[in-house]
Each structure stands twice: as C-alpha cells, then as structure tokens.
Amino acid sequence: MAPFSFIKTSILIFAYLFLWYQINDHHQV
C-alpha cells in the first residue's frame, strides 16, 4: 500500500509545474 499523502503531493507538484510551464510558454510567445 503506497502512502496516499506522497501520491497527493506528487500530483500537486506535477500540476503546479505543468501550470507554471504553460504560463512561461505563453509569456515567451
């Protein structure tokens, strides 16, 4: 059984990084 907290944090970080990348890409263009 994998720790749910770790999975939740991983998803949150991934979503945050994805959003930041999208905003950065938009700003560059």
N, C-alpha and C. Protein backbone atom coordinates (compact mmCIF):
# COMPACT_ATOMS: atom_id res chain seq x y z
N MET A 1 0.84 -1.20 0.00
CA MET A 1 0.00 0.00 0.00
C MET A 1 0.88 1.25 0.00
N ALA A 2 0.81 2.02 -1.05
CA ALA A 2 1.63 3.23 -1.14
C ALA A 2 0.99 4.37 -0.33
N PRO A 3 1.81 5.22 0.26
CA PRO A 3 1.30 6.34 1.06
C PRO A 3 0.49 7.30 0.19
N PHE A 4 -0.75 7.52 0.57
CA PHE A 4 -1.64 8.40 -0.18
C PHE A 4 -1.12 9.83 -0.16
N SER A 5 -0.52 10.23 0.97
CA SER A 5 -0.01 11.59 1.11
C SER A 5 1.07 11.86 0.06
N PHE A 6 1.95 10.89 -0.14
CA PHE A 6 3.03 11.05 -1.12
C PHE A 6 2.46 11.21 -2.53
N ILE A 7 1.44 10.41 -2.84
CA ILE A 7 0.82 10.48 -4.17
C ILE A 7 0.15 11.84 -4.36
N LYS A 8 -0.56 12.29 -3.33
CA LYS A 8 -1.26 13.57 -3.39
C LYS A 8 -0.26 14.70 -3.62
N THR A 9 0.84 14.68 -2.88
CA THR A 9 1.85 15.73 -3.01
C THR A 9 2.48 15.69 -4.39
N SER A 10 2.74 14.48 -4.89
CA SER A 10 3.37 14.32 -6.21
C SER A 10 2.47 14.91 -7.29
N ILE A 11 1.17 14.63 -7.20
CA ILE A 11 0.22 15.14 -8.19
C ILE A 11 0.16 16.66 -8.12
N LEU A 12 0.16 17.20 -6.89
CA LEU A 12 0.09 18.65 -6.70
C LEU A 12 1.30 19.32 -7.32
N ILE A 13 2.48 18.78 -7.05
CA ILE A 13 3.72 19.35 -7.59
C ILE A 13 3.71 19.26 -9.12
N PHE A 14 3.27 18.13 -9.65
CA PHE A 14 3.23 17.94 -11.10
C PHE A 14 2.29 18.95 -11.75
N ALA A 15 1.11 19.14 -11.15
CA ALA A 15 0.14 20.08 -11.69
C ALA A 15 0.69 21.51 -11.64
N TYR A 16 1.36 21.84 -10.52
CA TYR A 16 1.91 23.19 -10.35
C TYR A 16 2.99 23.45 -11.40
N LEU A 17 3.87 22.46 -11.60
CA LEU A 17 4.94 22.60 -12.58
C LEU A 17 4.36 22.73 -13.99
N PHE A 18 3.34 21.94 -14.28
CA PHE A 18 2.71 21.98 -15.60
C PHE A 18 2.09 23.35 -15.86
N LEU A 19 1.39 23.88 -14.84
CA LEU A 19 0.76 25.20 -14.97
C LEU A 19 1.82 26.27 -15.17
N TRP A 20 2.90 26.20 -14.37
CA TRP A 20 3.98 27.19 -14.48
C TRP A 20 4.61 27.13 -15.86
N TYR A 21 4.81 25.93 -16.39
CA TYR A 21 5.40 25.76 -17.71
C TYR A 21 4.48 26.37 -18.78
N GLN A 22 3.19 26.16 -18.64
CA GLN A 22 2.23 26.70 -19.60
C GLN A 22 2.27 28.22 -19.59
N ILE A 23 2.28 28.82 -18.39
CA ILE A 23 2.30 30.29 -18.27
C ILE A 23 3.61 30.83 -18.84
N ASN A 24 4.72 30.16 -18.54
CA ASN A 24 6.03 30.60 -19.03
C ASN A 24 6.05 30.56 -20.55
N ASP A 25 5.49 29.49 -21.12
CA ASP A 25 5.46 29.33 -22.57
C ASP A 25 4.63 30.45 -23.20
N HIS A 26 3.51 30.78 -22.59
CA HIS A 26 2.64 31.83 -23.11
C HIS A 26 3.35 33.18 -23.06
N HIS A 27 4.10 33.41 -21.99
CA HIS A 27 4.80 34.68 -21.84
C HIS A 27 5.92 34.81 -22.87
N GLN A 28 6.59 33.69 -23.15
CA GLN A 28 7.68 33.72 -24.12
C GLN A 28 7.13 34.01 -25.52
N VAL A 29 5.97 33.45 -25.83
CA VAL A 29 5.37 33.66 -27.16
C VAL A 29 4.61 34.98 -27.14
